[in-house]
Amino acid sequence: MWDREGRAFSMYKRMPSRDHSAVIDVEENSALSQKNMDLQTTDPSWWLSFPHVVVSTLASFLFGYHLGVVNEPLESISLDLKFSGNTLAEGLVVSTCLGGALIGCLFSGWIADGVGRRRAFQLCALPMIIGASMSATTKTLAGMLIGRFLVGTGMGLGPSVVALYVTEVSPASVRGTYGSFIQIASCLGLMGALFIGIPIKGIVGWWRICFWVSTIPAGFLAFAMIFCAESPHWLYKQGRSAEAEAEFERLLGGSHVKFAMAELTKLDRGDEADTVKLSELLYGRHFRVVYIGSILFALQQLSGINAVFYFSSSVFKSAGVPSDVANVLIGVANLLGSIIAMLLMDKLGRKMLLLWSFFGMAISMLLQVAAANTYVSGSASLYLSVGGMLMFVFTFALGAGPVPSLLLPEIFPSRIRAEAVAFCMSVYWVFNFFIGLLFLERNRDQREISSRNRDCSSTTGINSRLSYGDTECSHEAASNDVIRCAFLYADSGFSMAECKISFLPSFFHCMCFLQRIGFQLSEINLFFQGIMPKST
């Protein structure tokens, strides 16, 4: 440093006086250039934008809460509103909310661009408050469905606006970390819904409290947004550059305003000011990017993650695991994966987390397939099934959960960003709707088949006892048990041939037992053919 100053001073002495001013200008320009470079290479302070991001993620918290609020109380709701046993109605309680979310999501881009990000958050909170209040006070299924639909419109509007807002107000150095806050907030909302639903069996009407609780964060979101910064990107797009500079100063600090405005000008260069049409997203020059975003959300839903969140209580209960324990484990796995994703997002990049996340989910599915294998013992099957499910939730939270909503606002041009994100997330809600509507019905069919297997296995347990020398069981009692097992199949409409294929292990045990107590094989065939309907 001293050597450089000495050379500059000696050069200054040797030059004629008329050149002194030129040297001073060069030195001043060099200093300004160095100062600008320092501004560009020094990251803005993260804590200035942190409160604004935290308030905005309340919309994601509400999103997660309303996804899980009917998980545990669904049985109590069906009893109080008198539709118990109607799996279609139970599915509608879940999926009506998702249908409303699709409507809200479709219009979220135009709302966010029309009224701004802050007012869009307030519009998101309003139907959530009204809908949750209706669901908490209703005495009919119709009132519950209307309330859930209104909540859904807010749920559909919220995630799109959160993804836009966090991307536009965050410094680039921590944008990935802040994007993971969205997933963490959703996870905390889901866990909150599961924990609040724990007393549901001990307190009559507790499910109404579960809905009332959600109005508190929704009201706080609408109020706190009054004091949050508006998106500088939206203000600049509206031609309000002075206000955009003021908001950049609140979010990044005064020393970074000029550089941020220069970057914003560069990003928006060449963007037309006319309204974005749906045909432009489907057939225009941005079609490929929109297609990639839609596929990401479709794959996210086809993985089945929300089936776990909606019906984990029912699924784990059928596997013999207490629902409250299962809900806690799922919440912890989701939260842990989200925190790790937050720490790695800006270090490993979005693509790497996404690839490893889907790979881990595939491995967890293989574990669950292994658990369903008939050669796996009961305890091993339970551990593989539950362990595979928890691994599935954990690896989902590592990448497939947080990355799509963060990646899309980053890859879309500013002009179409709001509308393109809304379109891609509407694909998410379409798949989500059908999963919520159809999964419970499918799960009921599987439980009925499992129940028939368990009933027949319990009757053929006599065979196991006899094979070990237990002679206390009478011929008459054993025959009655086998006949009851056979009639279970007959009532289900299965023929003898179909029973051999569908329930081969249990059917084989029944036949072995009859042989052991003295029946010939020909007599056994005649016995089953006599009590079962023939194949059509």
Protein backbone atom coordinates (compact mmCIF):
# COMPACT_ATOMS: atom_id res chain seq x y z
CA MET A 1 0.00 0.00 0.00
CA TRP A 2 2.79 2.44 1.01
CA ASP A 3 4.75 1.53 -2.10
CA ARG A 4 1.75 2.26 -4.31
CA GLU A 5 1.22 5.65 -2.68
CA GLY A 6 4.93 6.46 -3.06
CA ARG A 7 4.89 5.68 -6.77
CA ALA A 8 1.78 7.78 -7.25
CA PHE A 9 3.40 10.70 -5.38
CA SER A 10 6.65 10.51 -7.36
CA MET A 11 4.70 10.42 -10.61
CA TYR A 12 2.71 13.40 -9.44
CA LYS A 13 5.99 15.33 -8.83
CA ARG A 14 7.43 14.56 -12.25
CA MET A 15 4.33 15.60 -14.19
CA PRO A 16 3.74 19.17 -15.36
CA SER A 17 1.27 21.29 -13.44
CA ARG A 18 -1.28 21.25 -16.22
CA ASP A 19 -1.60 17.46 -15.77
CA HIS A 20 -2.15 17.55 -12.00
CA SER A 21 -5.93 17.82 -12.32
CA ALA A 22 -6.08 14.82 -14.64
CA VAL A 23 -4.25 12.67 -12.10
CA ILE A 24 -6.62 13.79 -9.34
CA ASP A 25 -9.62 12.89 -11.51
CA VAL A 26 -8.16 9.47 -12.25
CA GLU A 27 -7.55 8.81 -8.58
CA GLU A 28 -11.07 9.96 -7.64
CA ASN A 29 -12.61 7.80 -10.35
CA SER A 30 -10.58 4.82 -9.17
CA ALA A 31 -11.77 5.41 -5.62
CA LEU A 32 -15.38 5.60 -6.74
CA SER A 33 -15.01 2.43 -8.79
CA GLN A 34 -13.46 0.64 -5.83
CA LYS A 35 -16.30 1.88 -3.59
CA ASN A 36 -18.96 0.61 -6.01
CA MET A 37 -17.19 -2.73 -6.22
CA ASP A 38 -17.16 -2.94 -2.43
CA LEU A 39 -20.90 -2.24 -2.38
CA GLN A 40 -21.52 -5.00 -4.89
CA THR A 41 -19.34 -7.59 -3.16
CA THR A 42 -20.56 -6.81 0.40
CA ASP A 43 -23.80 -8.59 1.16
CA PRO A 44 -26.67 -6.57 2.65
CA SER A 45 -27.52 -7.23 6.27
CA TRP A 46 -30.06 -10.01 6.60
CA TRP A 47 -31.74 -8.72 9.75
CA LEU A 48 -33.36 -5.73 8.01
CA SER A 49 -35.53 -7.94 5.81
CA PHE A 50 -35.94 -10.72 8.39
CA PRO A 51 -39.06 -9.35 10.21
CA HIS A 52 -40.88 -8.79 6.90
CA VAL A 53 -40.16 -12.36 5.78
CA VAL A 54 -41.27 -13.82 9.12
CA VAL A 55 -44.61 -11.98 9.01
CA SER A 56 -45.22 -13.09 5.42
CA THR A 57 -44.60 -16.76 6.30
CA LEU A 58 -47.64 -16.64 8.59
CA ALA A 59 -49.58 -17.35 5.40
CA SER A 60 -47.54 -20.57 5.03
CA PHE A 61 -48.19 -21.38 8.70
CA LEU A 62 -51.93 -21.09 8.07
CA PHE A 63 -51.53 -23.19 4.93
CA GLY A 64 -49.94 -26.02 6.96
CA TYR A 65 -52.42 -25.65 9.81
CA HIS A 66 -55.48 -25.99 7.60
CA LEU A 67 -53.93 -28.96 5.78
CA GLY A 68 -53.74 -30.88 9.05
CA VAL A 69 -56.60 -29.43 11.09
CA VAL A 70 -59.07 -32.17 10.06
CA ASN A 71 -56.58 -35.04 10.34
CA GLU A 72 -57.27 -36.05 13.95
CA PRO A 73 -60.75 -34.47 14.44
CA LEU A 74 -62.26 -35.93 11.25
CA GLU A 75 -63.92 -38.80 13.09
CA SER A 76 -65.40 -36.49 15.75
CA ILE A 77 -66.60 -34.06 13.09
CA SER A 78 -68.36 -36.86 11.22
CA LEU A 79 -70.08 -38.02 14.43
CA ASP A 80 -71.24 -34.54 15.46
CA LEU A 81 -72.44 -33.59 12.00
CA LYS A 82 -74.02 -37.02 11.44
CA PHE A 83 -72.14 -38.34 8.42
CA SER A 84 -70.08 -40.99 10.20
CA GLY A 85 -69.10 -43.89 7.95
CA ASN A 86 -69.68 -41.89 4.77
CA THR A 87 -66.16 -41.83 3.35
CA LEU A 88 -67.26 -39.66 0.42
CA ALA A 89 -68.45 -36.96 2.83
CA GLU A 90 -65.25 -37.28 4.84
CA GLY A 91 -63.24 -36.89 1.67
CA LEU A 92 -65.29 -33.82 0.75
CA VAL A 93 -64.48 -32.17 4.09
CA VAL A 94 -60.82 -32.40 3.04
CA SER A 95 -61.07 -31.86 -0.70
CA THR A 96 -63.58 -28.96 -0.67
CA CYS A 97 -60.88 -26.89 0.95
CA LEU A 98 -58.53 -27.91 -1.85
CA GLY A 99 -61.10 -27.00 -4.50
CA GLY A 100 -61.34 -23.52 -3.00
CA ALA A 101 -57.56 -23.35 -2.96
CA LEU A 102 -57.51 -24.04 -6.70
CA ILE A 103 -59.85 -21.10 -7.30
CA GLY A 104 -57.79 -18.79 -5.10
CA CYS A 105 -54.54 -19.89 -6.70
CA LEU A 106 -55.78 -19.33 -10.25
CA PHE A 107 -56.44 -15.66 -9.50
CA SER A 108 -53.52 -15.10 -7.11
CA GLY A 109 -51.11 -13.82 -9.77
CA TRP A 110 -53.52 -11.19 -11.09
CA ILE A 111 -54.50 -10.17 -7.54
CA ALA A 112 -50.85 -9.82 -6.46
CA ASP A 113 -50.07 -7.70 -9.52
CA GLY A 114 -53.29 -5.70 -9.25
CA VAL A 115 -53.35 -4.63 -5.60
CA GLY A 116 -49.77 -5.34 -4.51
CA ARG A 117 -48.23 -8.00 -2.33
CA ARG A 118 -49.21 -6.54 1.05
CA ARG A 119 -52.91 -6.18 0.25
CA ALA A 120 -52.87 -9.64 -1.32
CA PHE A 121 -51.77 -11.02 2.06
CA GLN A 122 -54.66 -9.22 3.75
CA LEU A 123 -57.10 -10.57 1.17
CA CYS A 124 -55.65 -14.02 1.85
CA ALA A 125 -56.33 -13.72 5.61
CA LEU A 126 -59.94 -12.50 5.27
CA PRO A 127 -61.60 -15.68 3.86
CA MET A 128 -59.54 -17.79 6.27
CA ILE A 129 -61.06 -15.92 9.22
CA ILE A 130 -64.61 -16.10 7.85
CA GLY A 131 -64.34 -19.73 6.72
CA ALA A 132 -62.77 -20.98 9.97
CA SER A 133 -65.50 -19.20 11.96
CA MET A 134 -68.20 -20.88 9.87
CA SER A 135 -66.60 -24.32 10.29
CA ALA A 136 -66.30 -23.79 14.05
CA THR A 137 -69.97 -22.87 14.52
CA THR A 138 -71.74 -25.03 11.92
CA LYS A 139 -74.14 -27.84 12.82
CA THR A 140 -74.50 -29.27 9.32
CA LEU A 141 -72.27 -30.85 6.72
CA ALA A 142 -73.19 -28.11 4.21
CA GLY A 143 -71.99 -25.38 6.58
CA MET A 144 -68.73 -27.23 7.12
CA LEU A 145 -68.16 -27.55 3.38
CA ILE A 146 -68.87 -23.84 2.75
CA GLY A 147 -66.49 -22.85 5.52
CA ARG A 148 -63.79 -25.16 4.22
CA PHE A 149 -64.23 -23.77 0.71
CA LEU A 150 -63.72 -20.19 1.94
CA VAL A 151 -60.64 -21.22 3.90
CA GLY A 152 -59.38 -22.89 0.74
CA THR A 153 -59.55 -19.69 -1.31
CA GLY A 154 -57.24 -18.05 1.22
CA MET A 155 -54.96 -21.09 1.21
CA GLY A 156 -54.67 -20.92 -2.56
CA LEU A 157 -53.88 -17.22 -2.59
CA GLY A 158 -51.33 -17.34 0.24
CA PRO A 159 -48.54 -19.67 -0.98
CA SER A 160 -48.20 -17.95 -4.36
CA VAL A 161 -47.92 -14.51 -2.78
CA VAL A 162 -45.48 -15.75 -0.12
CA ALA A 163 -43.19 -17.23 -2.78
CA LEU A 164 -43.24 -13.94 -4.71
CA TYR A 165 -42.78 -11.72 -1.68
CA VAL A 166 -39.90 -13.67 -0.11
CA THR A 167 -38.04 -13.77 -3.42
CA GLU A 168 -38.50 -10.04 -4.05
CA VAL A 169 -37.63 -8.66 -0.59
CA SER A 170 -34.76 -11.03 0.33
CA PRO A 171 -31.07 -10.30 -0.27
CA ALA A 172 -29.66 -12.72 -2.82
CA SER A 173 -27.14 -14.11 -0.31
CA VAL A 174 -29.86 -15.48 2.00
CA ARG A 175 -32.72 -15.97 -0.44
CA GLY A 176 -32.48 -19.75 -0.29
CA THR A 177 -32.46 -19.70 3.51
CA TYR A 178 -35.47 -17.41 3.61
CA GLY A 179 -37.19 -19.61 1.05
CA SER A 180 -36.80 -22.55 3.44
CA PHE A 181 -38.69 -20.50 6.03
CA ILE A 182 -41.78 -21.12 3.89
CA GLN A 183 -41.45 -24.87 4.32
CA ILE A 184 -40.60 -24.55 8.02
CA ALA A 185 -43.65 -22.36 8.61
CA SER A 186 -45.88 -24.88 6.81
CA CYS A 187 -44.36 -27.65 8.92
CA LEU A 188 -44.93 -25.72 12.15
CA GLY A 189 -48.53 -25.05 11.12
CA LEU A 190 -49.08 -28.74 10.43
CA MET A 191 -47.51 -29.72 13.75
CA GLY A 192 -49.62 -27.11 15.53
CA ALA A 193 -52.78 -28.59 14.05
CA LEU A 194 -51.76 -32.10 15.08
CA PHE A 195 -50.88 -31.07 18.64
CA ILE A 196 -54.07 -29.05 19.11
CA GLY A 197 -56.06 -32.07 17.92
CA ILE A 198 -54.62 -34.37 20.62
CA PRO A 199 -57.38 -33.71 23.25
CA ILE A 200 -60.08 -34.40 20.66
CA LYS A 201 -61.09 -37.76 22.17
CA GLY A 202 -61.28 -36.50 25.73
CA ILE A 203 -63.20 -33.23 25.23
CA VAL A 204 -66.54 -33.15 23.46
CA GLY A 205 -66.66 -30.55 20.69
CA TRP A 206 -62.91 -29.86 20.83
CA TRP A 207 -62.76 -29.87 17.04
CA ARG A 208 -64.55 -26.50 17.07
CA ILE A 209 -61.71 -25.03 19.15
CA CYS A 210 -59.27 -26.33 16.54
CA PHE A 211 -60.95 -24.14 13.92
CA TRP A 212 -61.27 -21.11 16.21
CA VAL A 213 -57.53 -21.15 16.96
CA SER A 214 -56.66 -20.57 13.29
CA THR A 215 -58.36 -17.16 13.31
CA ILE A 216 -55.66 -15.76 15.63
CA PRO A 217 -52.64 -16.00 13.25
CA ALA A 218 -54.87 -14.99 10.33
CA GLY A 219 -55.93 -11.80 12.10
CA PHE A 220 -52.35 -11.04 13.11
CA LEU A 221 -51.19 -11.49 9.49
CA ALA A 222 -53.77 -9.00 8.20
CA PHE A 223 -52.81 -6.46 10.89
CA ALA A 224 -49.00 -6.87 10.74
CA MET A 225 -48.89 -6.45 6.97
CA ILE A 226 -49.80 -2.77 7.49
CA PHE A 227 -46.29 -2.23 8.86
CA CYS A 228 -44.37 -4.45 6.41
CA ALA A 229 -42.53 -3.25 3.30
CA GLU A 230 -44.17 -3.47 -0.10
CA SER A 231 -42.29 -5.37 -2.77
CA PRO A 232 -39.85 -2.97 -4.54
CA HIS A 233 -40.23 -5.08 -7.69
CA TRP A 234 -43.97 -4.48 -7.75
CA LEU A 235 -43.57 -0.75 -7.05
CA TYR A 236 -41.01 -0.38 -9.83
CA LYS A 237 -43.27 -2.30 -12.20
CA GLN A 238 -46.04 0.21 -11.38
CA GLY A 239 -43.72 3.13 -12.26
CA ARG A 240 -43.24 4.17 -8.60
CA SER A 241 -39.44 4.21 -8.59
CA ALA A 242 -39.07 6.62 -5.67
CA GLU A 243 -41.17 4.37 -3.43
CA ALA A 244 -39.21 1.34 -4.62
CA GLU A 245 -35.96 3.04 -3.53
CA ALA A 246 -37.47 3.81 -0.13
CA GLU A 247 -38.50 0.17 0.36
CA PHE A 248 -35.06 -1.04 -0.73
CA GLU A 249 -33.58 1.20 1.95
CA ARG A 250 -35.81 -0.44 4.58
CA LEU A 251 -34.95 -3.93 3.38
CA LEU A 252 -31.26 -3.71 2.42
CA GLY A 253 -29.85 -0.53 3.92
CA GLY A 254 -29.12 2.83 2.32
CA SER A 255 -25.70 1.86 0.93
CA HIS A 256 -27.22 -0.87 -1.28
CA VAL A 257 -30.12 1.05 -2.77
CA LYS A 258 -28.43 2.26 -5.98
CA PHE A 259 -26.98 -1.12 -6.79
CA ALA A 260 -30.34 -2.84 -6.13
CA MET A 261 -32.14 -0.34 -8.37
CA ALA A 262 -29.56 -0.87 -11.11
CA GLU A 263 -30.07 -4.63 -10.91
CA LEU A 264 -33.83 -4.17 -10.97
CA THR A 265 -33.59 -1.95 -14.05
CA LYS A 266 -31.42 -4.54 -15.77
CA LEU A 267 -33.86 -7.37 -14.97
CA ASP A 268 -36.89 -5.44 -16.20
CA ARG A 269 -35.24 -4.17 -19.37
CA GLY A 270 -37.28 -5.14 -22.43
CA ASP A 271 -40.37 -6.21 -20.47
CA GLU A 272 -43.54 -4.80 -21.91
CA ALA A 273 -46.11 -3.19 -19.65
CA ASP A 274 -49.22 -4.81 -21.12
CA THR A 275 -51.29 -7.42 -19.28
CA VAL A 276 -50.10 -11.02 -19.27
CA LYS A 277 -52.58 -13.36 -20.95
CA LEU A 278 -53.06 -17.04 -20.16
CA SER A 279 -52.32 -17.97 -23.79
CA GLU A 280 -48.87 -16.42 -23.40
CA LEU A 281 -48.09 -18.84 -20.58
CA LEU A 282 -49.40 -21.83 -22.52
CA TYR A 283 -48.06 -21.10 -26.00
CA GLY A 284 -45.72 -18.11 -25.72
CA ARG A 285 -41.95 -17.93 -25.54
CA HIS A 286 -42.00 -18.74 -21.81
CA PHE A 287 -43.91 -21.98 -22.32
CA ARG A 288 -40.98 -24.28 -21.52
CA VAL A 289 -40.23 -22.61 -18.19
CA VAL A 290 -43.90 -22.72 -17.19
CA TYR A 291 -44.04 -26.37 -18.23
CA ILE A 292 -41.02 -27.23 -16.04
CA GLY A 293 -42.56 -25.46 -13.06
CA SER A 294 -45.88 -27.27 -13.52
CA ILE A 295 -44.16 -30.65 -13.76
CA LEU A 296 -42.24 -29.97 -10.54
CA PHE A 297 -45.45 -29.34 -8.62
CA ALA A 298 -47.20 -32.30 -10.25
CA LEU A 299 -44.38 -34.67 -9.26
CA GLN A 300 -44.39 -33.21 -5.77
CA GLN A 301 -48.05 -34.16 -5.33
CA LEU A 302 -47.91 -37.49 -7.14
CA SER A 303 -45.31 -38.58 -4.61
CA GLY A 304 -48.23 -38.84 -2.17
CA ILE A 305 -46.90 -36.56 0.55
CA ASN A 306 -50.21 -34.85 1.27
CA ALA A 307 -51.97 -38.20 1.60
CA VAL A 308 -49.64 -38.72 4.56
CA PHE A 309 -50.48 -35.30 6.02
CA TYR A 310 -54.24 -35.64 5.54
CA PHE A 311 -54.78 -39.22 6.66
CA SER A 312 -51.72 -40.21 8.70
CA SER A 313 -53.92 -40.88 11.75
CA SER A 314 -56.08 -43.36 9.81
CA VAL A 315 -53.13 -45.04 8.09
CA PHE A 316 -51.04 -45.51 11.23
CA LYS A 317 -54.05 -46.58 13.26
CA SER A 318 -54.68 -49.39 10.79
CA ALA A 319 -51.04 -50.45 11.24
CA GLY A 320 -51.49 -50.61 15.02
CA VAL A 321 -49.53 -47.42 15.81
CA PRO A 322 -51.24 -44.86 18.11
CA SER A 323 -52.27 -41.87 16.00
CA ASP A 324 -50.92 -39.24 18.41
CA VAL A 325 -47.48 -40.88 18.42
CA ALA A 326 -47.51 -41.15 14.63
CA ASN A 327 -48.47 -37.48 14.23
CA VAL A 328 -45.64 -36.35 16.50
CA LEU A 329 -43.11 -38.47 14.62
CA ILE A 330 -44.26 -37.12 11.25
CA GLY A 331 -44.10 -33.54 12.49
CA VAL A 332 -40.59 -33.99 13.89
CA ALA A 333 -39.34 -35.64 10.67
CA ASN A 334 -40.84 -32.82 8.58
CA LEU A 335 -39.39 -30.09 10.78
CA LEU A 336 -35.93 -31.68 10.95
CA GLY A 337 -35.75 -32.04 7.17
CA SER A 338 -36.88 -28.43 6.68
CA ILE A 339 -34.20 -27.09 9.05
CA ILE A 340 -31.46 -29.05 7.27
CA ALA A 341 -32.76 -27.77 3.92
CA MET A 342 -32.56 -24.21 5.26
CA LEU A 343 -28.90 -24.70 6.18
CA LEU A 344 -27.94 -26.31 2.86
CA MET A 345 -30.09 -24.39 0.37
CA ASP A 346 -27.59 -21.62 -0.42
CA LYS A 347 -24.56 -23.91 -0.15
CA LEU A 348 -25.50 -26.91 -2.30
CA GLY A 349 -27.99 -25.20 -4.60
CA ARG A 350 -31.58 -25.93 -5.50
CA LYS A 351 -30.96 -28.64 -8.09
CA MET A 352 -28.75 -30.79 -5.88
CA LEU A 353 -31.25 -30.78 -3.00
CA LEU A 354 -34.08 -31.59 -5.37
CA LEU A 355 -32.27 -34.59 -6.88
CA TRP A 356 -31.23 -36.08 -3.56
CA SER A 357 -34.68 -35.48 -2.11
CA PHE A 358 -36.47 -37.46 -4.82
CA PHE A 359 -33.82 -40.18 -4.60
CA GLY A 360 -34.38 -40.52 -0.85
CA MET A 361 -38.14 -40.65 -1.36
CA ALA A 362 -37.68 -43.50 -3.85
CA ILE A 363 -35.59 -45.45 -1.33
CA SER A 364 -38.24 -44.95 1.36
CA MET A 365 -40.90 -46.29 -1.02
CA LEU A 366 -38.80 -49.42 -1.55
CA LEU A 367 -38.70 -49.92 2.22
CA GLN A 368 -42.49 -49.75 2.36
CA VAL A 369 -42.81 -52.19 -0.53
CA ALA A 370 -40.54 -54.55 1.39
CA ALA A 371 -42.76 -54.11 4.45
CA ALA A 372 -45.78 -55.25 2.41
CA ASN A 373 -44.04 -58.45 1.37
CA THR A 374 -45.69 -61.57 2.76
CA TYR A 375 -42.30 -63.07 3.64
CA VAL A 376 -41.57 -60.28 6.16
CA SER A 377 -42.60 -61.00 9.75
CA GLY A 378 -45.16 -58.84 11.57
CA SER A 379 -42.77 -56.77 13.71
CA ALA A 380 -40.27 -56.30 10.89
CA SER A 381 -43.08 -55.24 8.59
CA LEU A 382 -44.26 -52.66 11.14
CA TYR A 383 -40.79 -51.17 11.60
CA LEU A 384 -40.11 -51.04 7.85
CA SER A 385 -43.50 -49.48 7.14
CA VAL A 386 -43.33 -46.77 9.80
CA GLY A 387 -39.60 -46.16 9.24
CA GLY A 388 -40.10 -45.88 5.50
CA MET A 389 -42.95 -43.41 6.01
CA LEU A 390 -40.87 -41.20 8.32
CA MET A 391 -37.91 -41.34 5.93
CA PHE A 392 -40.27 -40.36 3.12
CA VAL A 393 -41.45 -37.26 5.01
CA PHE A 394 -37.89 -36.34 6.02
CA THR A 395 -36.43 -36.58 2.51
CA PHE A 396 -39.42 -34.71 1.08
CA ALA A 397 -38.74 -31.80 3.44
CA LEU A 398 -35.09 -31.75 2.33
CA GLY A 399 -35.83 -30.62 -1.21
CA ALA A 400 -39.06 -31.62 -2.92
CA GLY A 401 -41.03 -29.56 -0.41
CA PRO A 402 -39.24 -26.18 -0.28
CA VAL A 403 -37.40 -26.02 -3.62
CA PRO A 404 -40.25 -25.67 -6.19
CA SER A 405 -41.90 -22.66 -4.53
CA LEU A 406 -38.51 -20.97 -4.17
CA LEU A 407 -37.09 -21.89 -7.56
CA LEU A 408 -39.99 -20.75 -9.74
CA PRO A 409 -40.00 -17.03 -8.80
CA GLU A 410 -36.25 -17.03 -9.46
CA ILE A 411 -36.44 -18.45 -12.97
CA PHE A 412 -39.48 -16.53 -14.25
CA PRO A 413 -39.01 -13.06 -15.79
CA SER A 414 -40.38 -10.21 -13.71
CA ARG A 415 -43.20 -9.41 -16.13
CA ILE A 416 -44.86 -12.84 -15.95
CA ARG A 417 -43.61 -13.91 -12.52
CA ALA A 418 -46.85 -13.54 -10.54
CA GLU A 419 -49.10 -15.10 -13.20
CA ALA A 420 -46.68 -17.94 -14.00
CA VAL A 421 -46.25 -18.88 -10.32
CA ALA A 422 -50.04 -18.83 -9.91
CA PHE A 423 -50.51 -21.10 -12.93
CA CYS A 424 -47.89 -23.62 -11.77
CA MET A 425 -49.28 -23.74 -8.25
CA SER A 426 -52.78 -24.31 -9.63
CA VAL A 427 -51.41 -27.59 -11.03
CA TYR A 428 -50.33 -28.38 -7.46
CA TRP A 429 -53.88 -27.81 -6.19
CA VAL A 430 -55.53 -29.88 -8.94
CA PHE A 431 -53.51 -32.96 -7.97
CA ASN A 432 -53.93 -32.16 -4.29
CA PHE A 433 -57.72 -32.02 -4.70
CA PHE A 434 -58.04 -35.49 -6.21
CA ILE A 435 -55.64 -37.01 -3.68
CA GLY A 436 -57.71 -35.58 -0.83
CA LEU A 437 -60.98 -36.75 -2.38
CA LEU A 438 -60.02 -40.27 -3.47
CA PHE A 439 -57.37 -41.46 -1.04
CA LEU A 440 -59.67 -42.08 1.91
CA GLU A 441 -62.04 -44.20 -0.20
CA ARG A 442 -59.11 -46.23 -1.49
CA ASN A 443 -57.71 -46.54 2.02
CA ARG A 444 -61.07 -47.83 3.28
CA ASP A 445 -61.06 -50.59 0.65
CA GLN A 446 -57.55 -51.60 1.67
CA ARG A 447 -58.55 -51.68 5.35
CA GLU A 448 -61.52 -53.94 4.55
CA ILE A 449 -59.25 -56.39 2.73
CA SER A 450 -56.77 -56.29 5.62
CA SER A 451 -59.62 -56.87 8.07
CA ARG A 452 -60.79 -59.95 6.15
CA ASN A 453 -57.24 -61.29 6.19
CA ARG A 454 -56.90 -60.69 9.94
CA ASP A 455 -60.25 -62.36 10.66
CA CYS A 456 -59.34 -65.44 8.66
CA SER A 457 -55.85 -65.53 10.16
CA SER A 458 -57.35 -65.46 13.66
CA THR A 459 -59.55 -68.46 12.86
CA THR A 460 -56.72 -70.43 11.33
CA GLY A 461 -54.68 -69.78 14.46
CA ILE A 462 -56.34 -73.02 15.74
CA ASN A 463 -54.32 -74.83 13.08
CA SER A 464 -51.09 -73.49 14.56
CA ARG A 465 -52.03 -74.60 18.03
CA LEU A 466 -52.90 -78.12 16.84
CA SER A 467 -49.59 -78.41 15.03
CA TYR A 468 -47.83 -77.92 18.34
CA GLY A 469 -49.83 -80.65 20.05
CA ASP A 470 -52.66 -78.61 21.59
CA THR A 471 -55.67 -80.99 21.62
CA GLU A 472 -58.03 -78.88 23.75
CA CYS A 473 -59.85 -77.44 20.72
CA SER A 474 -62.93 -79.47 19.80
CA HIS A 475 -63.74 -80.62 16.29
CA GLU A 476 -67.05 -78.77 16.33
CA ALA A 477 -65.59 -75.40 17.43
CA ALA A 478 -62.80 -75.62 14.89
CA SER A 479 -65.22 -76.41 12.07
CA ASN A 480 -67.40 -73.46 13.00
CA ASP A 481 -64.40 -71.12 12.87
CA VAL A 482 -63.40 -72.38 9.45
CA ILE A 483 -66.97 -72.00 8.16
CA ARG A 484 -67.07 -68.42 9.52
CA CYS A 485 -63.84 -67.69 7.67
CA ALA A 486 -65.26 -69.12 4.46
CA PHE A 487 -68.46 -67.10 4.77
CA LEU A 488 -66.38 -63.92 5.11
CA TYR A 489 -65.10 -64.61 1.63
CA ALA A 490 -68.55 -65.52 0.34
CA ASP A 491 -70.09 -62.30 1.67
CA SER A 492 -67.45 -60.33 -0.19
CA GLY A 493 -68.49 -61.91 -3.49
CA PHE A 494 -65.37 -63.99 -4.04
CA SER A 495 -65.51 -67.35 -5.74
CA MET A 496 -63.39 -70.28 -4.55
CA ALA A 497 -60.85 -69.73 -7.33
CA GLU A 498 -60.61 -66.03 -6.52
CA CYS A 499 -60.12 -66.80 -2.83
CA LYS A 500 -57.24 -69.09 -3.65
CA ILE A 501 -55.56 -66.29 -5.58
CA SER A 502 -56.40 -63.28 -3.40
CA PHE A 503 -56.16 -64.91 0.04
CA LEU A 504 -53.90 -67.86 -0.68
CA PRO A 505 -52.02 -68.06 2.67
CA SER A 506 -55.18 -67.95 4.83
CA PHE A 507 -57.13 -70.19 2.46
CA PHE A 508 -54.29 -72.70 2.46
CA HIS A 509 -54.27 -72.74 6.28
CA CYS A 510 -58.00 -73.43 6.33
CA MET A 511 -57.57 -76.38 3.99
CA CYS A 512 -54.63 -77.74 5.97
CA PHE A 513 -56.66 -77.56 9.16
CA LEU A 514 -59.56 -79.51 7.66
CA GLN A 515 -57.13 -82.15 6.45
CA ARG A 516 -55.59 -82.39 9.91
CA ILE A 517 -58.91 -83.05 11.63
CA GLY A 518 -59.74 -85.89 9.25
CA PHE A 519 -61.28 -84.52 6.06
CA GLN A 520 -60.14 -85.81 2.68
CA LEU A 521 -59.07 -83.31 -0.01
CA SER A 522 -62.08 -84.17 -2.19
CA GLU A 523 -64.41 -83.56 0.79
CA ILE A 524 -62.75 -80.19 1.45
CA ASN A 525 -63.29 -79.08 -2.15
CA LEU A 526 -66.94 -80.11 -1.97
CA PHE A 527 -67.29 -78.32 1.36
CA PHE A 528 -66.05 -74.97 0.04
CA GLN A 529 -67.85 -75.30 -3.27
CA GLY A 530 -71.08 -75.81 -1.36
CA ILE A 531 -70.88 -72.56 0.65
CA MET A 532 -69.29 -70.23 -1.91
CA PRO A 533 -70.84 -68.67 -5.02
CA LYS A 534 -69.51 -69.92 -8.29
CA SER A 535 -67.49 -67.67 -10.58
CA THR A 536 -69.51 -65.82 -13.13
